[in-house]
Amino acid sequence: MTRNQCGVQIAALGLSVFAVVQSAPAQAQGKNPRAAAVAQACRSDLNQYCAGVQPGGGRIVACLKANEGKLSAGCQSAFVSARKSSAQ
């Protein structure tokens, strides 16, 4: 996988996470299970650290990454797992 393809997948994950947080997680799980898992685990973290972040262009993922040290243990675990899966 090229670096550009990896970046596109990470950006898509960020947009999916935002969409899942904004909609019902059960509906979005079928669309992107990794994003649904991150959104469920990170709901309060996203509200606390990334509430004002405009979705798109990987900004949600960048926000989570920038605040990775502050994220709850469950959110950190889900986020790191999703990033590893996206990189493969």
N, C-alpha and C. Protein backbone atom coordinates (compact mmCIF):
# COMPACT_ATOMS: atom_id res chain seq x y z
N MET A 1 0.85 -1.17 0.00
CA MET A 1 0.00 0.00 0.00
C MET A 1 0.90 1.24 0.00
N THR A 2 0.56 2.18 -0.86
CA THR A 2 1.36 3.39 -0.92
C THR A 2 1.00 4.32 0.24
N ARG A 3 1.89 5.27 0.45
CA ARG A 3 1.66 6.23 1.53
C ARG A 3 0.38 7.03 1.30
N ASN A 4 0.11 7.36 0.04
CA ASN A 4 -1.09 8.12 -0.30
C ASN A 4 -2.35 7.29 -0.02
N GLN A 5 -2.32 6.00 -0.38
CA GLN A 5 -3.47 5.14 -0.11
C GLN A 5 -3.73 5.02 1.38
N CYS A 6 -2.67 4.93 2.16
CA CYS A 6 -2.80 4.84 3.61
C CYS A 6 -3.44 6.12 4.15
N GLY A 7 -2.99 7.27 3.64
CA GLY A 7 -3.57 8.55 4.07
C GLY A 7 -5.04 8.66 3.74
N VAL A 8 -5.42 8.16 2.57
CA VAL A 8 -6.82 8.19 2.16
C VAL A 8 -7.65 7.32 3.08
N GLN A 9 -7.13 6.13 3.43
CA GLN A 9 -7.87 5.25 4.33
C GLN A 9 -8.02 5.87 5.72
N ILE A 10 -6.97 6.51 6.21
CA ILE A 10 -7.04 7.15 7.53
C ILE A 10 -8.04 8.30 7.50
N ALA A 11 -8.04 9.08 6.41
CA ALA A 11 -9.01 10.17 6.29
C ALA A 11 -10.43 9.62 6.25
N ALA A 12 -10.62 8.52 5.53
CA ALA A 12 -11.95 7.90 5.46
C ALA A 12 -12.38 7.41 6.83
N LEU A 13 -11.44 6.86 7.60
CA LEU A 13 -11.75 6.41 8.95
C LEU A 13 -12.20 7.59 9.80
N GLY A 14 -11.51 8.72 9.68
CA GLY A 14 -11.88 9.91 10.45
C GLY A 14 -13.28 10.39 10.11
N LEU A 15 -13.59 10.44 8.84
CA LEU A 15 -14.92 10.88 8.43
C LEU A 15 -15.98 9.88 8.89
N SER A 16 -15.65 8.59 8.81
CA SER A 16 -16.59 7.57 9.27
C SER A 16 -16.83 7.68 10.77
N VAL A 17 -15.77 7.93 11.54
CA VAL A 17 -15.91 8.10 12.99
C VAL A 17 -16.85 9.25 13.27
N PHE A 18 -16.65 10.37 12.59
CA PHE A 18 -17.52 11.53 12.81
C PHE A 18 -18.97 11.19 12.46
N ALA A 19 -19.17 10.51 11.34
CA ALA A 19 -20.53 10.16 10.92
C ALA A 19 -21.19 9.24 11.93
N VAL A 20 -20.43 8.30 12.47
CA VAL A 20 -20.99 7.37 13.44
C VAL A 20 -21.34 8.09 14.73
N VAL A 21 -20.49 9.00 15.16
CA VAL A 21 -20.76 9.75 16.39
C VAL A 21 -22.03 10.59 16.22
N GLN A 22 -22.23 11.12 15.04
CA GLN A 22 -23.38 11.97 14.80
C GLN A 22 -24.67 11.19 14.56
N SER A 23 -24.55 9.92 14.16
CA SER A 23 -25.75 9.12 13.89
C SER A 23 -25.83 7.97 14.88
N ALA A 24 -26.81 7.13 14.70
CA ALA A 24 -26.97 5.98 15.58
C ALA A 24 -25.88 4.95 15.28
N PRO A 25 -25.07 4.58 16.27
CA PRO A 25 -23.99 3.62 16.04
C PRO A 25 -24.47 2.30 15.45
N ALA A 26 -25.62 1.83 15.82
CA ALA A 26 -26.11 0.55 15.30
C ALA A 26 -26.32 0.61 13.79
N GLN A 27 -26.78 1.74 13.28
CA GLN A 27 -27.01 1.89 11.85
C GLN A 27 -25.69 1.91 11.08
N ALA A 28 -24.68 2.55 11.64
CA ALA A 28 -23.43 2.74 10.93
C ALA A 28 -22.49 1.55 11.06
N GLN A 29 -22.73 0.65 12.00
CA GLN A 29 -21.82 -0.47 12.19
C GLN A 29 -21.68 -1.30 10.93
N GLY A 30 -22.74 -1.50 10.19
CA GLY A 30 -22.67 -2.27 8.96
C GLY A 30 -21.84 -1.58 7.89
N LYS A 31 -21.77 -0.27 7.93
CA LYS A 31 -21.03 0.49 6.93
C LYS A 31 -19.54 0.47 7.20
N ASN A 32 -19.11 0.66 8.42
CA ASN A 32 -17.69 0.67 8.77
C ASN A 32 -17.54 0.23 10.23
N PRO A 33 -17.34 -1.05 10.44
CA PRO A 33 -17.27 -1.55 11.82
C PRO A 33 -16.14 -0.95 12.64
N ARG A 34 -14.99 -0.67 12.01
CA ARG A 34 -13.88 -0.05 12.76
C ARG A 34 -14.26 1.33 13.24
N ALA A 35 -14.88 2.11 12.37
CA ALA A 35 -15.29 3.46 12.75
C ALA A 35 -16.35 3.41 13.84
N ALA A 36 -17.26 2.44 13.74
CA ALA A 36 -18.29 2.30 14.77
C ALA A 36 -17.67 1.95 16.12
N ALA A 37 -16.66 1.09 16.10
CA ALA A 37 -15.99 0.71 17.35
C ALA A 37 -15.27 1.91 17.96
N VAL A 38 -14.60 2.69 17.12
CA VAL A 38 -13.89 3.88 17.61
C VAL A 38 -14.90 4.89 18.14
N ALA A 39 -15.97 5.11 17.39
CA ALA A 39 -16.97 6.09 17.81
C ALA A 39 -17.61 5.71 19.13
N GLN A 40 -17.91 4.43 19.28
CA GLN A 40 -18.53 3.98 20.53
C GLN A 40 -17.56 4.14 21.70
N ALA A 41 -16.31 3.73 21.49
CA ALA A 41 -15.32 3.81 22.57
C ALA A 41 -14.89 5.25 22.85
N CYS A 42 -14.98 6.11 21.84
CA CYS A 42 -14.44 7.47 21.97
C CYS A 42 -15.49 8.56 22.04
N ARG A 43 -16.73 8.21 22.17
CA ARG A 43 -17.80 9.23 22.14
C ARG A 43 -17.51 10.40 23.08
N SER A 44 -17.22 10.13 24.34
CA SER A 44 -16.99 11.23 25.28
C SER A 44 -15.67 11.94 24.99
N ASP A 45 -14.66 11.20 24.54
CA ASP A 45 -13.37 11.81 24.19
C ASP A 45 -13.52 12.74 22.99
N LEU A 46 -14.29 12.30 21.98
CA LEU A 46 -14.53 13.14 20.82
C LEU A 46 -15.28 14.41 21.22
N ASN A 47 -16.26 14.27 22.08
CA ASN A 47 -17.01 15.44 22.54
C ASN A 47 -16.12 16.38 23.35
N GLN A 48 -15.21 15.82 24.14
CA GLN A 48 -14.36 16.64 24.99
C GLN A 48 -13.23 17.32 24.20
N TYR A 49 -12.56 16.58 23.33
CA TYR A 49 -11.35 17.10 22.68
C TYR A 49 -11.54 17.55 21.24
N CYS A 50 -12.57 17.05 20.56
CA CYS A 50 -12.69 17.32 19.13
C CYS A 50 -14.04 17.90 18.72
N ALA A 51 -14.78 18.42 19.67
CA ALA A 51 -16.14 18.91 19.39
C ALA A 51 -16.17 19.99 18.31
N GLY A 52 -15.19 20.86 18.28
CA GLY A 52 -15.19 21.96 17.31
C GLY A 52 -14.47 21.65 16.02
N VAL A 53 -14.05 20.42 15.84
CA VAL A 53 -13.28 20.04 14.66
C VAL A 53 -14.21 19.77 13.49
N GLN A 54 -13.95 20.44 12.37
CA GLN A 54 -14.72 20.26 11.14
C GLN A 54 -14.35 18.91 10.53
N PRO A 55 -15.31 18.04 10.23
CA PRO A 55 -14.99 16.74 9.63
C PRO A 55 -14.48 16.89 8.20
N GLY A 56 -13.73 15.90 7.79
CA GLY A 56 -13.18 15.87 6.44
C GLY A 56 -11.69 16.13 6.45
N GLY A 57 -11.02 15.60 5.47
CA GLY A 57 -9.59 15.83 5.33
C GLY A 57 -8.75 15.20 6.43
N GLY A 58 -9.31 14.26 7.16
CA GLY A 58 -8.57 13.60 8.22
C GLY A 58 -8.45 14.39 9.51
N ARG A 59 -9.25 15.46 9.64
CA ARG A 59 -9.14 16.32 10.83
C ARG A 59 -9.58 15.64 12.12
N ILE A 60 -10.59 14.76 12.06
CA ILE A 60 -11.04 14.05 13.26
C ILE A 60 -9.94 13.11 13.74
N VAL A 61 -9.37 12.36 12.81
CA VAL A 61 -8.28 11.45 13.15
C VAL A 61 -7.09 12.24 13.69
N ALA A 62 -6.78 13.37 13.06
CA ALA A 62 -5.67 14.21 13.52
C ALA A 62 -5.93 14.72 14.94
N CYS A 63 -7.18 15.07 15.23
CA CYS A 63 -7.52 15.53 16.57
C CYS A 63 -7.34 14.42 17.59
N LEU A 64 -7.83 13.23 17.26
CA LEU A 64 -7.64 12.10 18.18
C LEU A 64 -6.16 11.81 18.38
N LYS A 65 -5.41 11.85 17.28
CA LYS A 65 -3.97 11.57 17.37
C LYS A 65 -3.27 12.63 18.22
N ALA A 66 -3.65 13.89 18.05
CA ALA A 66 -3.03 14.98 18.82
C ALA A 66 -3.34 14.87 20.31
N ASN A 67 -4.47 14.27 20.63
CA ASN A 67 -4.89 14.12 22.03
C ASN A 67 -4.73 12.70 22.54
N GLU A 68 -3.99 11.88 21.82
CA GLU A 68 -3.89 10.46 22.13
C GLU A 68 -3.50 10.19 23.58
N GLY A 69 -2.62 10.99 24.13
CA GLY A 69 -2.18 10.80 25.51
C GLY A 69 -3.25 11.12 26.54
N LYS A 70 -4.28 11.86 26.14
CA LYS A 70 -5.36 12.25 27.05
C LYS A 70 -6.59 11.35 26.92
N LEU A 71 -6.63 10.53 25.89
CA LEU A 71 -7.82 9.72 25.62
C LEU A 71 -8.01 8.65 26.68
N SER A 72 -9.26 8.28 26.90
CA SER A 72 -9.55 7.19 27.83
C SER A 72 -8.91 5.91 27.31
N ALA A 73 -8.69 4.96 28.20
CA ALA A 73 -8.02 3.71 27.83
C ALA A 73 -8.78 2.97 26.72
N GLY A 74 -10.09 2.91 26.83
CA GLY A 74 -10.89 2.22 25.81
C GLY A 74 -10.82 2.91 24.46
N CYS A 75 -10.84 4.22 24.46
CA CYS A 75 -10.74 4.99 23.23
C CYS A 75 -9.36 4.80 22.60
N GLN A 76 -8.32 4.92 23.41
CA GLN A 76 -6.96 4.72 22.91
C GLN A 76 -6.83 3.36 22.24
N SER A 77 -7.31 2.34 22.90
CA SER A 77 -7.20 0.99 22.38
C SER A 77 -7.94 0.84 21.05
N ALA A 78 -9.16 1.33 20.97
CA ALA A 78 -9.95 1.24 19.74
C ALA A 78 -9.32 2.06 18.62
N PHE A 79 -8.83 3.25 18.95
CA PHE A 79 -8.24 4.13 17.95
C PHE A 79 -6.95 3.54 17.39
N VAL A 80 -6.08 3.05 18.26
CA VAL A 80 -4.83 2.45 17.81
C VAL A 80 -5.10 1.20 16.96
N SER A 81 -6.05 0.39 17.40
CA SER A 81 -6.42 -0.81 16.65
C SER A 81 -6.95 -0.46 15.26
N ALA A 82 -7.80 0.54 15.17
CA ALA A 82 -8.35 0.96 13.89
C ALA A 82 -7.27 1.52 12.97
N ARG A 83 -6.35 2.29 13.54
CA ARG A 83 -5.25 2.82 12.71
C ARG A 83 -4.37 1.71 12.18
N LYS A 84 -4.10 0.71 13.01
CA LYS A 84 -3.28 -0.42 12.56
C LYS A 84 -4.01 -1.18 11.45
N SER A 85 -5.30 -1.38 11.61
CA SER A 85 -6.09 -2.09 10.60
C SER A 85 -6.12 -1.31 9.29
N SER A 86 -6.21 0.02 9.37
CA SER A 86 -6.25 0.85 8.17
C SER A 86 -4.92 0.84 7.43
N ALA A 87 -3.83 0.69 8.18
CA ALA A 87 -2.50 0.70 7.57
C ALA A 87 -2.19 -0.60 6.83
N GLN A 88 -2.93 -1.65 7.12
CA GLN A 88 -2.64 -2.95 6.50
C GLN A 88 -3.23 -3.07 5.13
